[in-house]
Amino acid sequence: MIANQNKEYLLFEDARYFVHRLGLKSLKDWTIYSESGKKPDNIPKHPRATYKHKGWKSIKDWVGIEIINFLSFNEARIFVHQLDFKSESDWRIYCKSGKKPNYIPATPSTVYKNKGWKSMSDWLGTKI
């Protein structure tokens, strides 16, 4: 068994997006789900401790009662283009840095699927 501090968890925004899709309504719902055996290993049982200083706000935000509204695809892409990243690796480092605002998704391909998403190079502005 792997100690909790050594587990590889999803980035906060990705994990929260997964939890939002579950349709939970409370801390009680989260507790029941997280102990049900259905929770993937890359989602922490105790997100507050795992994501402290990494985006954690509240259990309401975690389960989706207070959902963060992302910018529209075009607005978000303009924001990202201004960052002048050269590669997807630059993007991933930025997402983990804590500098990315909550209104910009870490996984734009998921959030903007069927809403303008084309490719990571289009997202970053590196498309030739």
C-alpha atoms as a PDB file:
ATOM      1  CA  MET A   1       0.000   0.000   0.000  1.00  0.00           C
ATOM      2  CA  ILE A   2       1.284   3.490  -0.884  1.00  0.00           C
ATOM      3  CA  ALA A   3       1.376   6.135   1.858  1.00  0.00           C
ATOM      4  CA  ASN A   4      -1.008   9.031   1.139  1.00  0.00           C
ATOM      5  CA  GLN A   5       1.805  11.588   0.920  1.00  0.00           C
ATOM      6  CA  ASN A   6       3.468   9.488  -1.820  1.00  0.00           C
ATOM      7  CA  LYS A   7       0.394   9.001  -4.010  1.00  0.00           C
ATOM      8  CA  GLU A   8       0.118  10.706  -7.393  1.00  0.00           C
ATOM      9  CA  TYR A   9      -3.107  12.705  -7.469  1.00  0.00           C
ATOM     10  CA  LEU A  10      -4.671  14.634 -10.327  1.00  0.00           C
ATOM     11  CA  LEU A  11      -4.147  18.383 -10.459  1.00  0.00           C
ATOM     12  CA  PHE A  12      -6.738  20.142  -8.301  1.00  0.00           C
ATOM     13  CA  GLU A  13      -8.828  21.472 -11.207  1.00  0.00           C
ATOM     14  CA  ASP A  14      -8.908  18.077 -12.904  1.00  0.00           C
ATOM     15  CA  ALA A  15      -9.900  16.265  -9.722  1.00  0.00           C
ATOM     16  CA  ARG A  16     -12.558  18.859  -8.904  1.00  0.00           C
ATOM     17  CA  TYR A  17     -13.970  18.616 -12.442  1.00  0.00           C
ATOM     18  CA  PHE A  18     -14.240  14.829 -11.996  1.00  0.00           C
ATOM     19  CA  VAL A  19     -16.042  15.267  -8.666  1.00  0.00           C
ATOM     20  CA  HIS A  20     -18.405  17.905 -10.103  1.00  0.00           C
ATOM     21  CA  ARG A  21     -19.576  15.401 -12.692  1.00  0.00           C
ATOM     22  CA  LEU A  22     -20.647  13.035  -9.897  1.00  0.00           C
ATOM     23  CA  GLY A  23     -23.528  15.351  -8.932  1.00  0.00           C
ATOM     24  CA  LEU A  24     -22.827  15.271  -5.191  1.00  0.00           C
ATOM     25  CA  LYS A  25     -24.574  17.825  -2.973  1.00  0.00           C
ATOM     26  CA  SER A  26     -22.786  17.790   0.388  1.00  0.00           C
ATOM     27  CA  LEU A  27     -19.854  16.685   2.539  1.00  0.00           C
ATOM     28  CA  LYS A  28     -21.953  13.677   3.548  1.00  0.00           C
ATOM     29  CA  ASP A  29     -22.389  12.692  -0.114  1.00  0.00           C
ATOM     30  CA  TRP A  30     -18.633  13.045  -0.671  1.00  0.00           C
ATOM     31  CA  THR A  31     -17.847  10.925   2.399  1.00  0.00           C
ATOM     32  CA  ILE A  32     -20.215   8.166   1.286  1.00  0.00           C
ATOM     33  CA  TYR A  33     -18.774   8.204  -2.242  1.00  0.00           C
ATOM     34  CA  SER A  34     -15.134   8.318  -1.146  1.00  0.00           C
ATOM     35  CA  GLU A  35     -15.649   5.293   1.125  1.00  0.00           C
ATOM     36  CA  SER A  36     -17.712   3.326  -1.415  1.00  0.00           C
ATOM     37  CA  GLY A  37     -14.742   1.850  -3.254  1.00  0.00           C
ATOM     38  CA  LYS A  38     -15.778   3.654  -6.463  1.00  0.00           C
ATOM     39  CA  LYS A  39     -13.359   6.578  -6.028  1.00  0.00           C
ATOM     40  CA  PRO A  40     -10.344   6.361  -8.367  1.00  0.00           C
ATOM     41  CA  ASP A  41      -6.950   6.172  -6.666  1.00  0.00           C
ATOM     42  CA  ASN A  42      -5.817   9.439  -8.265  1.00  0.00           C
ATOM     43  CA  ILE A  43      -8.566  11.376  -6.433  1.00  0.00           C
ATOM     44  CA  PRO A  44      -7.760  11.970  -2.741  1.00  0.00           C
ATOM     45  CA  LYS A  45     -10.162  10.895  -0.009  1.00  0.00           C
ATOM     46  CA  HIS A  46      -9.248  14.026   1.960  1.00  0.00           C
ATOM     47  CA  PRO A  47      -8.987  16.734  -0.724  1.00  0.00           C
ATOM     48  CA  ARG A  48      -8.699  19.613   1.733  1.00  0.00           C
ATOM     49  CA  ALA A  49      -5.376  18.297   3.028  1.00  0.00           C
ATOM     50  CA  THR A  50      -4.091  17.280  -0.405  1.00  0.00           C
ATOM     51  CA  TYR A  51      -4.989  20.507  -2.202  1.00  0.00           C
ATOM     52  CA  LYS A  52      -4.262  23.038   0.553  1.00  0.00           C
ATOM     53  CA  HIS A  53      -2.461  25.939  -1.190  1.00  0.00           C
ATOM     54  CA  LYS A  54      -3.164  24.268  -4.563  1.00  0.00           C
ATOM     55  CA  GLY A  55      -6.640  25.621  -5.248  1.00  0.00           C
ATOM     56  CA  TRP A  56      -8.721  24.279  -2.352  1.00  0.00           C
ATOM     57  CA  LYS A  57     -11.539  26.620  -1.301  1.00  0.00           C
ATOM     58  CA  SER A  58     -14.320  24.651   0.340  1.00  0.00           C
ATOM     59  CA  ILE A  59     -16.257  21.406   0.250  1.00  0.00           C
ATOM     60  CA  LYS A  60     -19.024  23.269  -1.597  1.00  0.00           C
ATOM     61  CA  ASP A  61     -16.558  24.196  -4.322  1.00  0.00           C
ATOM     62  CA  TRP A  62     -15.154  20.616  -4.327  1.00  0.00           C
ATOM     63  CA  VAL A  63     -18.500  18.881  -4.867  1.00  0.00           C
ATOM     64  CA  GLY A  64     -19.787  21.516  -7.277  1.00  0.00           C
ATOM     65  CA  ILE A  65     -22.328  23.472  -5.309  1.00  0.00           C
ATOM     66  CA  GLU A  66     -20.264  26.613  -5.994  1.00  0.00           C
ATOM     67  CA  ILE A  67     -19.053  25.823  -9.497  1.00  0.00           C
ATOM     68  CA  ILE A  68     -16.273  27.963 -10.914  1.00  0.00           C
ATOM     69  CA  ASN A  69     -17.292  29.459 -14.232  1.00  0.00           C
ATOM     70  CA  PHE A  70     -14.561  29.194 -16.838  1.00  0.00           C
ATOM     71  CA  LEU A  71     -14.084  31.896 -19.429  1.00  0.00           C
ATOM     72  CA  SER A  72     -15.529  31.171 -22.851  1.00  0.00           C
ATOM     73  CA  PHE A  73     -13.188  29.191 -25.085  1.00  0.00           C
ATOM     74  CA  ASN A  74     -12.208  32.238 -27.151  1.00  0.00           C
ATOM     75  CA  GLU A  75     -11.579  34.435 -24.095  1.00  0.00           C
ATOM     76  CA  ALA A  76      -9.531  31.709 -22.398  1.00  0.00           C
ATOM     77  CA  ARG A  77      -7.498  31.017 -25.548  1.00  0.00           C
ATOM     78  CA  ILE A  78      -6.674  34.726 -25.921  1.00  0.00           C
ATOM     79  CA  PHE A  79      -5.521  34.755 -22.282  1.00  0.00           C
ATOM     80  CA  VAL A  80      -3.312  31.696 -22.853  1.00  0.00           C
ATOM     81  CA  HIS A  81      -1.861  33.071 -26.112  1.00  0.00           C
ATOM     82  CA  GLN A  82      -0.671  36.148 -24.186  1.00  0.00           C
ATOM     83  CA  LEU A  83       1.398  33.878 -21.931  1.00  0.00           C
ATOM     84  CA  ASP A  84       3.521  32.998 -24.976  1.00  0.00           C
ATOM     85  CA  PHE A  85       4.167  29.350 -24.107  1.00  0.00           C
ATOM     86  CA  LYS A  86       6.317  27.408 -26.544  1.00  0.00           C
ATOM     87  CA  SER A  87       5.176  23.862 -25.671  1.00  0.00           C
ATOM     88  CA  GLU A  88       2.636  21.721 -23.883  1.00  0.00           C
ATOM     89  CA  SER A  89       5.310  21.119 -21.246  1.00  0.00           C
ATOM     90  CA  ASP A  90       5.332  24.877 -20.523  1.00  0.00           C
ATOM     91  CA  TRP A  91       1.539  24.717 -20.094  1.00  0.00           C
ATOM     92  CA  ARG A  92       1.723  21.792 -17.632  1.00  0.00           C
ATOM     93  CA  ILE A  93       4.392  23.538 -15.554  1.00  0.00           C
ATOM     94  CA  TYR A  94       2.234  26.673 -15.446  1.00  0.00           C
ATOM     95  CA  CYS A  95      -0.835  24.676 -14.341  1.00  0.00           C
ATOM     96  CA  LYS A  96       1.130  23.147 -11.459  1.00  0.00           C
ATOM     97  CA  SER A  97       2.724  26.473 -10.457  1.00  0.00           C
ATOM     98  CA  GLY A  98      -0.348  27.906  -8.746  1.00  0.00           C
ATOM     99  CA  LYS A  99      -0.260  30.961 -11.041  1.00  0.00           C
ATOM    100  CA  LYS A 100      -3.113  29.839 -13.320  1.00  0.00           C
ATOM    101  CA  PRO A 101      -6.380  31.595 -12.460  1.00  0.00           C
ATOM    102  CA  ASN A 102      -9.359  29.388 -11.572  1.00  0.00           C
ATOM    103  CA  TYR A 103     -11.350  30.684 -14.531  1.00  0.00           C
ATOM    104  CA  ILE A 104      -8.868  29.026 -16.929  1.00  0.00           C
ATOM    105  CA  PRO A 105      -9.140  25.195 -16.997  1.00  0.00           C
ATOM    106  CA  ALA A 106      -6.057  22.984 -16.622  1.00  0.00           C
ATOM    107  CA  THR A 107      -7.660  20.489 -19.011  1.00  0.00           C
ATOM    108  CA  PRO A 108      -9.049  22.678 -21.786  1.00  0.00           C
ATOM    109  CA  SER A 109      -9.591  19.712 -24.123  1.00  0.00           C
ATOM    110  CA  THR A 110     -12.173  18.345 -21.683  1.00  0.00           C
ATOM    111  CA  VAL A 111     -13.844  21.605 -20.699  1.00  0.00           C
ATOM    112  CA  TYR A 112     -14.028  23.017 -24.234  1.00  0.00           C
ATOM    113  CA  LYS A 113     -14.810  19.807 -26.097  1.00  0.00           C
ATOM    114  CA  ASN A 114     -17.475  20.731 -28.688  1.00  0.00           C
ATOM    115  CA  LYS A 115     -17.063  24.404 -27.674  1.00  0.00           C
ATOM    116  CA  GLY A 116     -14.206  25.387 -29.971  1.00  0.00           C
ATOM    117  CA  TRP A 117     -11.398  23.041 -28.914  1.00  0.00           C
ATOM    118  CA  LYS A 118      -9.108  22.017 -31.792  1.00  0.00           C
ATOM    119  CA  SER A 119      -5.687  21.102 -30.429  1.00  0.00           C
ATOM    120  CA  MET A 120      -3.113  21.972 -27.785  1.00  0.00           C
ATOM    121  CA  SER A 121      -1.076  23.917 -30.363  1.00  0.00           C
ATOM    122  CA  ASP A 122      -4.169  25.999 -31.195  1.00  0.00           C
ATOM    123  CA  TRP A 123      -4.805  26.533 -27.455  1.00  0.00           C
ATOM    124  CA  LEU A 124      -1.227  27.673 -26.829  1.00  0.00           C
ATOM    125  CA  GLY A 125      -0.895  29.683 -30.027  1.00  0.00           C
ATOM    126  CA  THR A 126       2.006  27.608 -31.297  1.00  0.00           C
ATOM    127  CA  LYS A 127       0.126  26.445 -34.407  1.00  0.00           C
ATOM    128  CA  ILE A 128       2.014  27.328 -37.558  1.00  0.00           C
END
